[in-house]
């Protein structure tokens, strides 16, 4: 079996620190075809790491605390602007276009992460992260659900609520066949529910009943941190950043099959806590890049896996 072959081939990952640590919290890694983009949220910057030169430079400034990044099938770059409480498109001329900032006239919360399907619909999580906005603001929307921005023929966008049973949301993915939404149910409260869920995407675009692929429990020190960010490999497996030293088995990268079987786990380097997100990069999509709460950008070349992305084409 393929899984058994890979299990036998598994070896310890070789971690390389390629950028940082910056002053807290890097996130949103996304491969642009040549370089790895990632966000430095506290400084409202998007950074660019070049694997060809080893240089890390500022790609954009003044992003108003953009968190997650993603490309659509045409190469347009979108971001979760937590400070602006909106989903934005980062135009090629350096300008920024607001896609949606309200649901039925009510301001959305602080978008965290996003996934884009082949129809160009932007699925995004909508938690309340007060750390990234003006302290005088408060949430106008009670729910913490997955929302979706749907493009219209006239160039406008319509925002829709897609989940009605989530109490906290974070990272999310759309399966390569556009038939499944993987999302992270997470609650900030002590003892809150933390799960990796799979929702079927129905023919009419709505979601069916979810399946719990993995549940993060407690140990004697308290609740496990659960997942923060995720990406997909070329076989449809879910690669996720999870855990901390506070409880559970510690900070690590998990790899799940689409049905929720744990295929591999890989601890973070010694002294590094709370990985935040991950993305495959390099021309062959063979290198995994990982960001952290401490402001690092790591990479691992020897994963024996290739990433899956809609854009750009993988050589």
Foldseek 3Di string as FASTA:
>chain_A
DVLVVVLVVDDAFDKDFLDDQDQFDKAAWDAQQAWIWIDPQVQQFIWTAGPVVSDIGTPAGPNLRWHHWAAALVRWIWTQNQAQQFIWTQDPVRDIGGQDQDAPNAGFARWHYWEADNQGKIKTWTAHDCVRYDVVDDHRDQAGAIKIWHADPVGHTHIGGADDPARHWAEWYQFPVNFKIWTWRDDPDFQDWTFTKIWTQDPVRHTDDIDTLDTFQFDPQGTWFHFHEWFAFPQRWIWTWGGDPSTDPHTWIWIAHPNNHTSDIHHDDPPATAWHYWAFYDQQSQKIWIAGRSRTIMITRPPPTHGDDSDDDHD
